[in-house]
Protein backbone atom coordinates (compact mmCIF):
# COMPACT_ATOMS: atom_id res chain seq x y z
CA UNK A 1 40.75 154.28 23.81
CA UNK A 2 44.02 154.40 25.79
CA UNK A 3 44.67 152.73 29.15
CA UNK A 4 43.64 155.72 31.28
CA UNK A 5 40.46 156.35 29.27
CA UNK A 6 39.61 152.67 29.60
CA UNK A 7 40.11 152.78 33.37
CA UNK A 8 38.03 155.96 33.74
CA UNK A 9 35.13 154.59 31.70
CA UNK A 10 35.07 151.44 33.80
CA UNK A 11 35.31 153.50 36.99
CA UNK A 12 32.21 155.46 35.96
CA UNK A 13 30.28 152.19 35.74
CA UNK A 14 31.54 151.05 39.16
CA UNK A 15 30.48 154.33 40.75
CA UNK A 16 27.01 154.10 39.18
CA UNK A 17 26.66 150.60 40.66
CA UNK A 18 27.82 151.83 44.06
CA UNK A 19 25.36 154.75 44.02
CA UNK A 20 22.54 152.36 43.17
CA UNK A 21 23.34 150.46 46.38
CA UNK A 22 23.98 153.53 48.54
CA UNK A 23 23.17 157.09 47.56
CA UNK A 24 25.68 159.91 47.78
CA UNK A 25 23.51 161.50 50.47
CA UNK A 26 23.65 158.35 52.64
CA UNK A 27 27.37 157.89 52.12
CA UNK A 28 28.09 161.54 52.87
CA UNK A 29 26.29 161.32 56.21
CA UNK A 30 28.12 158.11 57.17
CA UNK A 31 31.48 159.62 56.24
CA UNK A 32 30.86 162.89 58.06
CA UNK A 33 29.65 161.05 61.17
CA UNK A 34 32.81 158.95 61.25
CA UNK A 35 35.09 161.91 60.58
CA UNK A 36 33.53 163.82 63.48
CA UNK A 37 34.73 161.11 65.88
CA UNK A 38 38.31 160.84 64.58
CA UNK A 39 41.11 161.90 66.89
CA UNK A 40 43.83 162.48 64.29
CA UNK A 41 43.80 164.19 60.91
CA UNK A 42 46.36 164.87 58.15
CA UNK A 43 48.54 161.94 59.21
CA UNK A 44 50.58 161.89 55.99
CA UNK A 45 51.70 165.49 56.52
CA UNK A 46 52.61 164.74 60.12
CA UNK A 47 54.82 161.88 58.97
CA UNK A 48 56.44 164.00 56.28
CA UNK A 49 57.37 166.70 58.80
CA UNK A 50 59.81 164.25 60.38
CA UNK A 51 63.08 164.76 58.51
CA UNK A 52 64.98 161.89 60.14
CA UNK A 53 64.37 159.82 57.02
CA UNK A 54 62.80 159.80 53.59
CA UNK A 55 59.50 158.04 54.25
CA UNK A 56 58.64 154.66 52.78
CA UNK A 57 55.10 154.18 51.46
CA UNK A 58 54.57 150.48 50.72
CA UNK A 59 51.78 149.62 48.32
CA UNK A 60 49.31 146.77 47.97
CA UNK A 61 48.86 146.28 44.23
CA UNK A 62 47.80 142.93 42.68
CA UNK A 63 48.38 144.05 39.08
CA UNK A 64 49.12 147.05 36.87
CA UNK A 65 48.71 148.05 33.21
CA UNK A 66 52.48 147.93 32.65
CA UNK A 67 53.29 144.73 34.58
CA UNK A 68 50.12 142.68 34.29
CA UNK A 69 49.67 140.37 37.28
CA UNK A 70 52.13 141.25 40.05
CA UNK A 71 51.15 139.19 43.07
CA UNK A 72 48.54 136.69 44.21
CA UNK A 73 48.99 137.82 47.82
CA UNK A 74 45.84 139.18 49.47
CA UNK A 75 45.51 142.18 51.80
CA UNK A 76 45.34 139.67 54.66
CA UNK A 77 48.79 138.41 53.55
CA UNK A 78 50.43 141.75 52.83
CA UNK A 79 49.11 144.36 55.25
CA UNK A 80 50.26 142.55 58.43
CA UNK A 81 53.76 142.43 56.93
CA UNK A 82 53.66 146.17 56.20
CA UNK A 83 52.35 146.71 59.72
CA UNK A 84 55.17 144.69 61.29
CA UNK A 85 58.14 146.05 59.32
CA UNK A 86 59.50 149.64 59.06
CA UNK A 87 56.93 151.02 56.63
CA UNK A 88 55.87 154.60 57.34
CA UNK A 89 52.60 154.70 55.39
CA UNK A 90 50.63 152.21 53.31
CA UNK A 91 49.01 152.66 49.89
CA UNK A 92 46.14 150.45 48.78
CA UNK A 93 45.10 150.37 45.12
CA UNK A 94 41.33 150.20 44.75
CA UNK A 95 41.01 150.25 40.95
CA UNK A 96 39.21 147.21 39.58
CA UNK A 97 39.96 146.83 35.86
CA UNK A 98 43.72 147.06 35.34
CA UNK A 99 45.01 146.93 38.93
CA UNK A 100 42.61 144.12 39.93
CA UNK A 101 41.73 145.52 43.33
CA UNK A 102 38.70 147.23 44.89
CA UNK A 103 37.41 149.27 47.82
CA UNK A 104 36.80 146.05 49.78
CA UNK A 105 40.56 145.47 49.88
CA UNK A 106 40.91 148.90 51.45
CA UNK A 107 38.29 148.04 54.07
CA UNK A 108 40.22 144.88 54.90
CA UNK A 109 43.52 146.76 55.08
CA UNK A 110 42.10 149.36 57.45
CA UNK A 111 41.19 146.64 59.93
CA UNK A 112 44.70 145.16 59.84
CA UNK A 113 46.86 148.22 60.61
CA UNK A 114 46.91 151.50 62.48
CA UNK A 115 49.37 153.01 59.99
CA UNK A 116 48.26 155.90 57.79
CA UNK A 117 46.52 154.62 54.64
CA UNK A 118 46.34 156.11 51.16
CA UNK A 119 43.41 155.24 48.92
CA UNK A 120 45.10 155.13 45.52
CA UNK A 121 42.72 155.25 42.60
CA UNK A 122 41.52 157.32 39.66
CA UNK A 123 39.23 159.68 41.57
CA UNK A 124 36.61 161.04 39.19
CA UNK A 125 33.66 161.57 41.53
CA UNK A 126 33.25 163.03 45.03
CA UNK A 127 31.59 159.73 45.96
CA UNK A 128 35.05 158.15 46.02
CA UNK A 129 36.35 160.75 48.49
CA UNK A 130 33.45 160.13 50.85
CA UNK A 131 34.13 156.38 50.52
CA UNK A 132 37.75 156.97 51.52
CA UNK A 133 36.69 159.02 54.54
CA UNK A 134 34.11 156.45 55.60
CA UNK A 135 36.67 153.66 55.50
CA UNK A 136 39.16 155.65 57.58
CA UNK A 137 41.66 156.63 54.90
CA UNK A 138 44.30 159.16 55.87
CA UNK A 139 44.96 160.31 52.30
CA UNK A 140 43.58 160.20 48.76
CA UNK A 141 45.28 160.55 45.38
CA UNK A 142 44.03 163.12 42.87
CA UNK A 143 45.61 162.87 39.42
CA UNK A 144 45.95 166.08 37.42
CA UNK A 145 44.28 165.52 34.07
CA UNK A 146 42.02 162.81 35.48
CA UNK A 147 40.41 164.53 38.47
CA UNK A 148 37.51 166.62 37.05
CA UNK A 149 37.51 169.29 39.78
CA UNK A 150 40.90 169.57 41.46
CA UNK A 151 40.08 172.62 43.57
CA UNK A 152 36.71 171.29 44.70
CA UNK A 153 38.03 167.83 45.50
CA UNK A 154 41.03 169.25 47.35
CA UNK A 155 38.75 171.38 49.50
CA UNK A 156 36.35 168.49 50.14
CA UNK A 157 39.17 166.17 51.14
CA UNK A 158 40.65 168.69 53.54
CA UNK A 159 37.20 169.35 55.04
CA UNK A 160 37.06 165.62 55.77
CA UNK A 161 40.50 165.66 57.40
CA UNK A 162 42.15 163.83 54.52
CA UNK A 163 45.56 164.60 53.14
CA UNK A 164 45.78 164.75 49.35
CA UNK A 165 48.57 163.68 47.04
CA UNK A 166 48.16 165.68 43.83
CA UNK A 167 49.80 163.54 41.17
CA UNK A 168 51.75 165.32 38.43
CA UNK A 169 53.81 164.02 35.53
CA UNK A 170 55.26 167.20 34.06
CA UNK A 171 55.96 170.86 34.70
CA UNK A 172 52.71 171.67 32.91
CA UNK A 173 50.86 169.52 35.43
CA UNK A 174 52.50 171.35 38.33
CA UNK A 175 51.69 174.72 36.77
CA UNK A 176 48.05 173.62 36.48
CA UNK A 177 47.75 173.08 40.25
CA UNK A 178 50.34 175.38 41.80
CA UNK A 179 47.88 178.18 42.58
CA UNK A 180 45.93 175.72 44.74
CA UNK A 181 49.03 175.32 46.96
CA UNK A 182 48.79 171.54 47.29
CA UNK A 183 50.52 170.38 50.47
CA UNK A 184 51.76 167.16 48.85
CA UNK A 185 52.63 166.64 45.19
CA UNK A 186 53.28 163.17 43.86
CA UNK A 187 55.70 163.02 40.96
CA UNK A 188 54.92 159.95 38.90
CA UNK A 189 58.04 158.73 37.13
CA UNK A 190 55.90 156.73 34.73
CA UNK A 191 54.75 158.29 31.47
CA UNK A 192 51.03 157.48 31.37
CA UNK A 193 50.97 157.65 27.57
CA UNK A 194 53.53 154.93 26.89
CA UNK A 195 54.07 153.52 30.44
CA UNK A 196 57.85 154.02 30.32
CA UNK A 197 59.81 154.93 33.48
CA UNK A 198 62.31 157.74 33.99
CA UNK A 199 63.46 158.37 37.56
CA UNK A 200 64.97 161.66 36.41
CA UNK A 201 61.41 163.01 36.29
CA UNK A 202 61.60 163.44 40.08
CA UNK A 203 64.98 165.16 39.81
CA UNK A 204 63.84 167.53 37.07
CA UNK A 205 60.59 168.56 38.78
CA UNK A 206 61.77 168.75 42.40
CA UNK A 207 62.60 172.47 42.24
CA UNK A 208 59.05 173.31 41.17
CA UNK A 209 57.34 171.52 44.07
CA UNK A 210 56.49 174.05 46.80
CA UNK A 211 55.86 171.71 49.72
CA UNK A 212 56.23 167.95 50.16
CA UNK A 213 57.23 165.68 47.26
CA UNK A 214 56.37 162.00 47.00
CA UNK A 215 58.12 160.09 44.23
CA UNK A 216 55.96 157.39 42.66
CA UNK A 217 56.73 154.46 40.34
CA UNK A 218 59.84 152.82 39.04
CA UNK A 219 61.79 151.71 42.11
CA UNK A 220 63.22 148.30 41.28
CA UNK A 221 66.05 148.22 43.82
CA UNK A 222 67.47 149.77 46.97
CA UNK A 223 69.81 151.79 44.73
CA UNK A 224 66.81 153.30 42.93
CA UNK A 225 65.33 154.32 46.29
CA UNK A 226 68.63 155.93 47.32
CA UNK A 227 68.72 157.83 44.04
CA UNK A 228 65.24 159.29 44.58
CA UNK A 229 66.15 160.17 48.16
CA UNK A 230 69.17 162.07 46.84
CA UNK A 231 66.92 163.83 44.33
CA UNK A 232 65.03 165.31 47.28
CA UNK A 233 61.93 163.15 47.64
CA UNK A 234 60.27 163.44 51.06
CA UNK A 235 58.73 159.99 50.58
CA UNK A 236 58.93 157.19 48.05
CA UNK A 237 55.99 154.99 47.08
CA UNK A 238 56.98 151.42 46.20
CA UNK A 239 54.73 148.51 45.28
CA UNK A 240 55.84 146.11 42.56
CA UNK A 241 59.41 145.44 43.69
CA UNK A 242 58.23 144.82 47.28
CA UNK A 243 55.45 142.45 46.29
CA UNK A 244 57.73 140.41 44.06
CA UNK A 245 59.20 139.08 47.32
CA UNK A 246 56.21 136.72 47.54
CA UNK A 247 56.61 135.80 51.23
CA UNK A 248 57.13 137.57 54.56
CA UNK A 249 60.84 136.81 54.87
CA UNK A 250 61.80 138.23 51.48
CA UNK A 251 59.34 141.13 51.63
CA UNK A 252 60.41 141.98 55.18
CA UNK A 253 64.13 141.82 54.38
CA UNK A 254 63.67 144.12 51.37
CA UNK A 255 61.63 146.59 53.41
CA UNK A 256 64.36 146.69 56.07
CA UNK A 257 66.99 147.34 53.40
CA UNK A 258 64.89 150.14 51.93
CA UNK A 259 64.22 151.67 55.34
CA UNK A 260 67.93 151.65 56.22
CA UNK A 261 68.81 153.25 52.87
CA UNK A 262 66.25 156.04 53.38
CA UNK A 263 67.53 157.20 56.78
CA UNK A 264 69.10 160.65 56.77
């Protein structure tokens, strides 16, 4: 069983446990009730329409399959920093097994910022989309090859006022989803089979992306961010290299350097 299969199998167990505590029917009603009172929808797209800069999406991520443990900082430590410094949107990992986070961290994050939030996870059940809506997410990630019903989950997300990042790793992935006209495609520079990084993946696939492009994974420096900006990314998602700062001063200084480098 590879890393992704391992994550998905564990996620199935987590969802079963969640459904035992709260049924899909109950969660759906709670999510729809909250969504009906929201004043603003599709906040990621609204940010991406502003061409004054390539947008910075800063991520909360305690660990990863490729890096192991990344940071002992909690959402209470990190999210106020992201809220204070020039971060455009925030991503919160909610995967339990290999990224060592959970939906509770998202709930905490939502209380600590008004910035647009991405629930980043391996979405394999509509239950997870309703969870995201209930906890006031602005966006969800759907990974081609992992998401079992891309068209259905795209439509459900949009019905709930959520933006969707459709994650692709290859031209074949893009061809799989292109007829659905996804508004935002995330190009993951990491090969999920062997976990290696190639920033040229964004460069090579840019011309096939019909709308907005978010470049994910692999930024280790300001120069890497500049490179992806020059490749045509509308936004860049960065987690590990930010969180290695370990305290507000170093994290904040790095964010300011990234933000300055991403201005057009």
